[in-house]
Amino acid sequence: MCKRLILLFCVFTNLALAQTAENWELKENKDGVKIFTRDIENSKIKAIRVECQLQASLSQVVAALMDIHNSEEWLYHTAGNYMVKQVSPAELYYYSRIEMPWPVSNRDFIAHLKVTQDETTKTVTVDAPCMPNMVPIKPNIIRIANSKGKWLLYPINKQEVKIIYTLHADPGGNIPAWLTNLFVTQGPSQSFKKLKVHIQKPAYKNARLDYIID
């Protein structure tokens, strides 16, 4: 059961909810990745906050986040990712399926990724709320209907970025909230460890994006 609940929280790792820094409780600090949780009013599910620093440029990180076709390589237990709609290089909608071990039902979601950058501070924001009705519901898969996430990318210098990722999502289904919250660190921890390696691939390392100022 514990393993199933750990895998369940992978639904939280490829979406992106802006939160204030107050009331966050540190749950894990390992391999340069800090994971915090906090209670949310009128919700049984805790919000999460992940902080880390990556040796990369802003364009490098954004290029990896927007590369939906290869995101399964680092996002925890995701499969079947595909582009639903490309609005512009800086905005898209994509579908993702979360594969769960039997007897837990698989989950899926449609995320809306939109990248903006502050011209003064160069801080990059990647909003990623879910859009539950954009794709028809599939048989035997639970659709994640409520999820709000956000990536904040702060340039330390041209080759180092601080990331703050915040998320509050309800995975749906009859899973006890207190058990889900008990293992919320597992999915984010594994995803960010893989992301550190993933963004060093040549496809991202030399990325130059017209809508990002490094």
C-alpha atoms as a PDB file:
ATOM      1  CA  MET A   1       0.000   0.000   0.000  1.00  0.00           C
ATOM      2  CA  CYS A   2       2.810   2.437   0.883  1.00  0.00           C
ATOM      3  CA  LYS A   3       4.449   1.905  -2.511  1.00  0.00           C
ATOM      4  CA  ARG A   4       1.157   2.545  -4.274  1.00  0.00           C
ATOM      5  CA  LEU A   5       0.642   5.774  -2.382  1.00  0.00           C
ATOM      6  CA  ILE A   6       4.165   6.925  -3.182  1.00  0.00           C
ATOM      7  CA  LEU A   7       3.495   6.327  -6.862  1.00  0.00           C
ATOM      8  CA  LEU A   8       0.155   8.087  -6.603  1.00  0.00           C
ATOM      9  CA  PHE A   9       1.851  11.333  -5.775  1.00  0.00           C
ATOM     10  CA  CYS A  10       3.619  11.295  -9.145  1.00  0.00           C
ATOM     11  CA  VAL A  11       0.508  13.059 -10.415  1.00  0.00           C
ATOM     12  CA  PHE A  12       1.826  16.116  -8.674  1.00  0.00           C
ATOM     13  CA  THR A  13       5.253  16.232 -10.484  1.00  0.00           C
ATOM     14  CA  ASN A  14       4.515  17.435 -14.067  1.00  0.00           C
ATOM     15  CA  LEU A  15       2.094  20.195 -13.284  1.00  0.00           C
ATOM     16  CA  ALA A  16       3.033  23.416 -12.043  1.00  0.00           C
ATOM     17  CA  LEU A  17       0.159  27.183  -7.538  1.00  0.00           C
ATOM     18  CA  ALA A  18       1.856  30.199  -6.372  1.00  0.00           C
ATOM     19  CA  GLN A  19       2.133  30.190  -2.588  1.00  0.00           C
ATOM     20  CA  THR A  20       3.678  32.542  -0.083  1.00  0.00           C
ATOM     21  CA  ALA A  21       6.709  31.317   1.833  1.00  0.00           C
ATOM     22  CA  GLU A  22       4.981  31.398   5.220  1.00  0.00           C
ATOM     23  CA  ASN A  23       3.867  28.253   7.067  1.00  0.00           C
ATOM     24  CA  TRP A  24       5.876  25.858   4.912  1.00  0.00           C
ATOM     25  CA  GLU A  25       7.248  22.835   6.775  1.00  0.00           C
ATOM     26  CA  LEU A  26      10.496  21.298   5.560  1.00  0.00           C
ATOM     27  CA  LYS A  27       9.970  17.587   4.855  1.00  0.00           C
ATOM     28  CA  GLU A  28      13.149  16.640   3.001  1.00  0.00           C
ATOM     29  CA  ASN A  29      16.526  18.204   2.264  1.00  0.00           C
ATOM     30  CA  LYS A  30      18.574  15.803   0.178  1.00  0.00           C
ATOM     31  CA  ASP A  31      20.938  16.046  -2.803  1.00  0.00           C
ATOM     32  CA  GLY A  32      20.368  19.782  -3.097  1.00  0.00           C
ATOM     33  CA  VAL A  33      16.566  19.477  -3.277  1.00  0.00           C
ATOM     34  CA  LYS A  34      14.389  20.881  -0.478  1.00  0.00           C
ATOM     35  CA  ILE A  35      10.755  19.797  -0.256  1.00  0.00           C
ATOM     36  CA  PHE A  36       8.209  21.594   1.900  1.00  0.00           C
ATOM     37  CA  THR A  37       4.501  21.038   2.575  1.00  0.00           C
ATOM     38  CA  ARG A  38       1.747  23.168   4.016  1.00  0.00           C
ATOM     39  CA  ASP A  39      -1.932  22.863   4.849  1.00  0.00           C
ATOM     40  CA  ILE A  40      -4.456  24.479   2.525  1.00  0.00           C
ATOM     41  CA  GLU A  41      -7.755  25.822   3.814  1.00  0.00           C
ATOM     42  CA  ASN A  42     -10.757  23.638   2.891  1.00  0.00           C
ATOM     43  CA  SER A  43      -8.555  20.899   1.460  1.00  0.00           C
ATOM     44  CA  LYS A  44      -7.412  17.555   2.855  1.00  0.00           C
ATOM     45  CA  ILE A  45      -4.414  17.548   0.509  1.00  0.00           C
ATOM     46  CA  LYS A  46      -1.272  19.460   1.401  1.00  0.00           C
ATOM     47  CA  ALA A  47       0.436  21.843  -1.005  1.00  0.00           C
ATOM     48  CA  ILE A  48       4.086  21.253  -1.858  1.00  0.00           C
ATOM     49  CA  ARG A  49       7.016  23.548  -2.500  1.00  0.00           C
ATOM     50  CA  VAL A  50      10.286  22.379  -4.040  1.00  0.00           C
ATOM     51  CA  GLU A  51      13.462  24.456  -4.034  1.00  0.00           C
ATOM     52  CA  CYS A  52      16.740  23.685  -5.758  1.00  0.00           C
ATOM     53  CA  GLN A  53      19.534  25.236  -7.806  1.00  0.00           C
ATOM     54  CA  LEU A  54      20.575  23.923 -11.192  1.00  0.00           C
ATOM     55  CA  GLN A  55      23.743  24.472 -13.179  1.00  0.00           C
ATOM     56  CA  ALA A  56      21.954  25.727 -16.272  1.00  0.00           C
ATOM     57  CA  SER A  57      20.807  28.815 -18.118  1.00  0.00           C
ATOM     58  CA  LEU A  58      17.217  30.025 -18.077  1.00  0.00           C
ATOM     59  CA  SER A  59      16.786  28.946 -21.695  1.00  0.00           C
ATOM     60  CA  GLN A  60      18.163  25.526 -20.860  1.00  0.00           C
ATOM     61  CA  VAL A  61      15.611  24.939 -18.099  1.00  0.00           C
ATOM     62  CA  VAL A  62      12.671  26.346 -20.057  1.00  0.00           C
ATOM     63  CA  ALA A  63      13.579  24.288 -23.130  1.00  0.00           C
ATOM     64  CA  ALA A  64      13.435  21.117 -21.043  1.00  0.00           C
ATOM     65  CA  LEU A  65      10.149  22.043 -19.363  1.00  0.00           C
ATOM     66  CA  MET A  66       8.500  22.799 -22.715  1.00  0.00           C
ATOM     67  CA  ASP A  67       9.806  19.641 -24.420  1.00  0.00           C
ATOM     68  CA  ILE A  68       6.700  17.536 -23.879  1.00  0.00           C
ATOM     69  CA  HIS A  69       7.807  14.718 -26.169  1.00  0.00           C
ATOM     70  CA  ASN A  70      10.779  13.864 -23.940  1.00  0.00           C
ATOM     71  CA  SER A  71       9.326  14.790 -20.544  1.00  0.00           C
ATOM     72  CA  GLU A  72       8.616  11.153 -19.687  1.00  0.00           C
ATOM     73  CA  GLU A  73      12.363  10.696 -19.262  1.00  0.00           C
ATOM     74  CA  TRP A  74      12.373  12.706 -16.029  1.00  0.00           C
ATOM     75  CA  LEU A  75       8.796  13.040 -14.781  1.00  0.00           C
ATOM     76  CA  TYR A  76       8.006  10.391 -12.195  1.00  0.00           C
ATOM     77  CA  HIS A  77       5.910   7.489 -13.558  1.00  0.00           C
ATOM     78  CA  THR A  78       4.333   9.413 -16.420  1.00  0.00           C
ATOM     79  CA  ALA A  79       3.512   7.933 -19.814  1.00  0.00           C
ATOM     80  CA  GLY A  80       1.545   8.765 -22.919  1.00  0.00           C
ATOM     81  CA  ASN A  81       2.463  12.459 -22.961  1.00  0.00           C
ATOM     82  CA  TYR A  82       1.423  14.293 -26.107  1.00  0.00           C
ATOM     83  CA  MET A  83       0.809  17.811 -27.320  1.00  0.00           C
ATOM     84  CA  VAL A  84      -2.845  18.841 -27.387  1.00  0.00           C
ATOM     85  CA  LYS A  85      -2.341  22.366 -28.705  1.00  0.00           C
ATOM     86  CA  GLN A  86       0.702  24.547 -29.393  1.00  0.00           C
ATOM     87  CA  VAL A  87      -0.405  28.172 -29.033  1.00  0.00           C
ATOM     88  CA  SER A  88       3.086  29.648 -29.432  1.00  0.00           C
ATOM     89  CA  PRO A  89       6.672  28.659 -28.553  1.00  0.00           C
ATOM     90  CA  ALA A  90       5.941  29.958 -25.032  1.00  0.00           C
ATOM     91  CA  GLU A  91       2.464  28.478 -24.553  1.00  0.00           C
ATOM     92  CA  LEU A  92       1.018  25.003 -24.996  1.00  0.00           C
ATOM     93  CA  TYR A  93      -1.459  22.429 -23.741  1.00  0.00           C
ATOM     94  CA  TYR A  94      -0.447  18.818 -23.211  1.00  0.00           C
ATOM     95  CA  TYR A  95      -1.938  15.519 -22.060  1.00  0.00           C
ATOM     96  CA  SER A  96      -0.236  13.158 -19.625  1.00  0.00           C
ATOM     97  CA  ARG A  97      -1.136   9.778 -18.174  1.00  0.00           C
ATOM     98  CA  ILE A  98       0.092   8.562 -14.802  1.00  0.00           C
ATOM     99  CA  GLU A  99       0.622   4.806 -14.705  1.00  0.00           C
ATOM    100  CA  MET A 100      -0.267   3.260 -11.352  1.00  0.00           C
ATOM    101  CA  PRO A 101       0.220  -0.297 -10.082  1.00  0.00           C
ATOM    102  CA  TRP A 102      -2.864  -2.482  -9.789  1.00  0.00           C
ATOM    103  CA  PRO A 103      -5.373  -2.086  -8.171  1.00  0.00           C
ATOM    104  CA  VAL A 104      -4.953   1.718  -8.081  1.00  0.00           C
ATOM    105  CA  SER A 105      -6.533   3.357 -11.129  1.00  0.00           C
ATOM    106  CA  ASN A 106      -4.347   5.318 -13.533  1.00  0.00           C
ATOM    107  CA  ARG A 107      -4.690   9.113 -13.524  1.00  0.00           C
ATOM    108  CA  ASP A 108      -4.475  11.639 -16.323  1.00  0.00           C
ATOM    109  CA  PHE A 109      -4.525  15.407 -16.745  1.00  0.00           C
ATOM    110  CA  ILE A 110      -4.277  18.169 -19.334  1.00  0.00           C
ATOM    111  CA  ALA A 111      -1.889  20.968 -18.373  1.00  0.00           C
ATOM    112  CA  HIS A 112      -1.694  24.485 -19.755  1.00  0.00           C
ATOM    113  CA  LEU A 113       1.916  25.691 -19.741  1.00  0.00           C
ATOM    114  CA  LYS A 114       2.560  29.394 -20.285  1.00  0.00           C
ATOM    115  CA  VAL A 115       5.980  31.025 -19.974  1.00  0.00           C
ATOM    116  CA  THR A 116       6.495  34.700 -19.123  1.00  0.00           C
ATOM    117  CA  GLN A 117       9.572  36.677 -18.102  1.00  0.00           C
ATOM    118  CA  ASP A 118      10.041  39.860 -16.116  1.00  0.00           C
ATOM    119  CA  GLU A 119      12.097  42.203 -18.279  1.00  0.00           C
ATOM    120  CA  THR A 120      13.785  43.834 -15.279  1.00  0.00           C
ATOM    121  CA  THR A 121      14.630  40.910 -12.999  1.00  0.00           C
ATOM    122  CA  LYS A 122      14.699  38.280 -15.789  1.00  0.00           C
ATOM    123  CA  THR A 123      12.708  35.989 -13.486  1.00  0.00           C
ATOM    124  CA  VAL A 124      10.808  33.398 -15.510  1.00  0.00           C
ATOM    125  CA  THR A 125       7.344  32.182 -14.514  1.00  0.00           C
ATOM    126  CA  VAL A 126       5.841  29.003 -15.912  1.00  0.00           C
ATOM    127  CA  ASP A 127       2.179  28.707 -14.972  1.00  0.00           C
ATOM    128  CA  ALA A 128       0.715  25.222 -15.261  1.00  0.00           C
ATOM    129  CA  PRO A 129      -2.927  24.847 -14.218  1.00  0.00           C
ATOM    130  CA  CYS A 130      -4.885  21.836 -15.404  1.00  0.00           C
ATOM    131  CA  MET A 131      -7.685  22.041 -17.962  1.00  0.00           C
ATOM    132  CA  PRO A 132      -9.812  18.965 -17.165  1.00  0.00           C
ATOM    133  CA  ASN A 133     -12.369  19.289 -19.964  1.00  0.00           C
ATOM    134  CA  MET A 134     -10.048  19.877 -22.907  1.00  0.00           C
ATOM    135  CA  VAL A 135      -9.750  16.165 -23.753  1.00  0.00           C
ATOM    136  CA  PRO A 136     -12.569  13.598 -23.420  1.00  0.00           C
ATOM    137  CA  ILE A 137     -12.379  11.424 -20.315  1.00  0.00           C
ATOM    138  CA  LYS A 138     -10.895   8.010 -21.046  1.00  0.00           C
ATOM    139  CA  PRO A 139     -12.312   4.722 -19.734  1.00  0.00           C
ATOM    140  CA  ASN A 140     -10.831   3.369 -16.486  1.00  0.00           C
ATOM    141  CA  ILE A 141      -8.646   6.465 -15.945  1.00  0.00           C
ATOM    142  CA  ILE A 142      -9.385   9.035 -13.231  1.00  0.00           C
ATOM    143  CA  ARG A 143      -9.148  12.596 -14.540  1.00  0.00           C
ATOM    144  CA  ILE A 144      -7.370  15.108 -12.278  1.00  0.00           C
ATOM    145  CA  ALA A 145      -9.775  18.027 -12.230  1.00  0.00           C
ATOM    146  CA  ASN A 146      -8.241  20.327  -9.621  1.00  0.00           C
ATOM    147  CA  SER A 147      -4.585  21.275  -9.854  1.00  0.00           C
ATOM    148  CA  LYS A 148      -2.702  24.560  -9.832  1.00  0.00           C
ATOM    149  CA  GLY A 149       1.045  24.734 -10.160  1.00  0.00           C
ATOM    150  CA  LYS A 150       3.797  27.226 -10.885  1.00  0.00           C
ATOM    151  CA  TRP A 151       7.517  27.251 -11.653  1.00  0.00           C
ATOM    152  CA  LEU A 152       9.573  30.302 -10.701  1.00  0.00           C
ATOM    153  CA  LEU A 153      13.062  30.439 -12.226  1.00  0.00           C
ATOM    154  CA  TYR A 154      15.460  32.979 -10.690  1.00  0.00           C
ATOM    155  CA  PRO A 155      18.750  33.564 -12.563  1.00  0.00           C
ATOM    156  CA  ILE A 156      21.707  33.583 -10.162  1.00  0.00           C
ATOM    157  CA  ASN A 157      24.075  34.083 -13.075  1.00  0.00           C
ATOM    158  CA  LYS A 158      24.086  33.049 -16.736  1.00  0.00           C
ATOM    159  CA  GLN A 159      24.776  29.423 -15.863  1.00  0.00           C
ATOM    160  CA  GLU A 160      22.931  28.921 -12.576  1.00  0.00           C
ATOM    161  CA  VAL A 161      19.215  29.057 -11.831  1.00  0.00           C
ATOM    162  CA  LYS A 162      17.254  28.828  -8.591  1.00  0.00           C
ATOM    163  CA  ILE A 163      13.933  27.012  -8.976  1.00  0.00           C
ATOM    164  CA  ILE A 164      10.888  27.304  -6.743  1.00  0.00           C
ATOM    165  CA  TYR A 165       8.113  24.942  -7.776  1.00  0.00           C
ATOM    166  CA  THR A 166       4.765  25.056  -5.965  1.00  0.00           C
ATOM    167  CA  LEU A 167       1.723  22.860  -6.412  1.00  0.00           C
ATOM    168  CA  HIS A 168      -1.621  22.022  -4.907  1.00  0.00           C
ATOM    169  CA  ALA A 169      -3.511  19.187  -6.586  1.00  0.00           C
ATOM    170  CA  ASP A 170      -6.214  16.671  -5.762  1.00  0.00           C
ATOM    171  CA  PRO A 171      -5.470  13.245  -7.325  1.00  0.00           C
ATOM    172  CA  GLY A 172      -9.124  12.234  -7.038  1.00  0.00           C
ATOM    173  CA  GLY A 173     -10.442   8.785  -6.248  1.00  0.00           C
ATOM    174  CA  ASN A 174     -10.941   7.121  -2.895  1.00  0.00           C
ATOM    175  CA  ILE A 175      -7.428   7.506  -1.504  1.00  0.00           C
ATOM    176  CA  PRO A 176      -7.212   8.651   2.150  1.00  0.00           C
ATOM    177  CA  ALA A 177      -5.764  12.156   2.143  1.00  0.00           C
ATOM    178  CA  TRP A 178      -3.609  11.594   5.216  1.00  0.00           C
ATOM    179  CA  LEU A 179      -1.891   8.633   3.544  1.00  0.00           C
ATOM    180  CA  THR A 180      -1.329  10.582   0.335  1.00  0.00           C
ATOM    181  CA  ASN A 181       0.162  13.472   2.294  1.00  0.00           C
ATOM    182  CA  LEU A 182       2.447  11.083   4.159  1.00  0.00           C
ATOM    183  CA  PHE A 183       4.404  10.352   0.977  1.00  0.00           C
ATOM    184  CA  VAL A 184       4.224  13.639  -0.887  1.00  0.00           C
ATOM    185  CA  THR A 185       7.997  14.015  -1.001  1.00  0.00           C
ATOM    186  CA  GLN A 186       8.669  10.914  -3.086  1.00  0.00           C
ATOM    187  CA  GLY A 187       7.454  11.973  -6.532  1.00  0.00           C
ATOM    188  CA  PRO A 188       9.005  15.473  -6.519  1.00  0.00           C
ATOM    189  CA  SER A 189      12.264  14.176  -5.092  1.00  0.00           C
ATOM    190  CA  GLN A 190      12.725  11.610  -7.867  1.00  0.00           C
ATOM    191  CA  SER A 191      11.638  14.000 -10.639  1.00  0.00           C
ATOM    192  CA  PHE A 192      14.017  16.807  -9.671  1.00  0.00           C
ATOM    193  CA  LYS A 193      16.949  14.410  -9.355  1.00  0.00           C
ATOM    194  CA  LYS A 194      16.296  13.227 -12.913  1.00  0.00           C
ATOM    195  CA  LEU A 195      15.748  16.777 -14.163  1.00  0.00           C
ATOM    196  CA  LYS A 196      19.237  17.773 -13.002  1.00  0.00           C
ATOM    197  CA  VAL A 197      20.681  15.146 -15.331  1.00  0.00           C
ATOM    198  CA  HIS A 198      18.132  15.571 -18.120  1.00  0.00           C
ATOM    199  CA  ILE A 199      18.792  19.273 -18.738  1.00  0.00           C
ATOM    200  CA  GLN A 200      22.473  18.605 -19.433  1.00  0.00           C
ATOM    201  CA  LYS A 201      21.646  16.871 -22.713  1.00  0.00           C
ATOM    202  CA  PRO A 202      22.961  18.676 -25.826  1.00  0.00           C
ATOM    203  CA  ALA A 203      19.419  19.484 -26.984  1.00  0.00           C
ATOM    204  CA  TYR A 204      18.962  21.739 -23.951  1.00  0.00           C
ATOM    205  CA  LYS A 205      22.512  22.691 -22.995  1.00  0.00           C
ATOM    206  CA  ASN A 206      22.905  24.844 -26.101  1.00  0.00           C
ATOM    207  CA  ALA A 207      19.308  26.072 -26.196  1.00  0.00           C
ATOM    208  CA  ARG A 208      18.603  29.679 -27.201  1.00  0.00           C
ATOM    209  CA  LEU A 209      14.983  30.781 -26.977  1.00  0.00           C
ATOM    210  CA  ASP A 210      13.700  33.944 -28.623  1.00  0.00           C
ATOM    211  CA  TYR A 211      11.291  34.630 -25.760  1.00  0.00           C
ATOM    212  CA  ILE A 212      13.873  34.206 -22.968  1.00  0.00           C
ATOM    213  CA  ILE A 213      16.642  36.643 -22.028  1.00  0.00           C
ATOM    214  CA  ASP A 214      19.492  34.754 -20.339  1.00  0.00           C
END
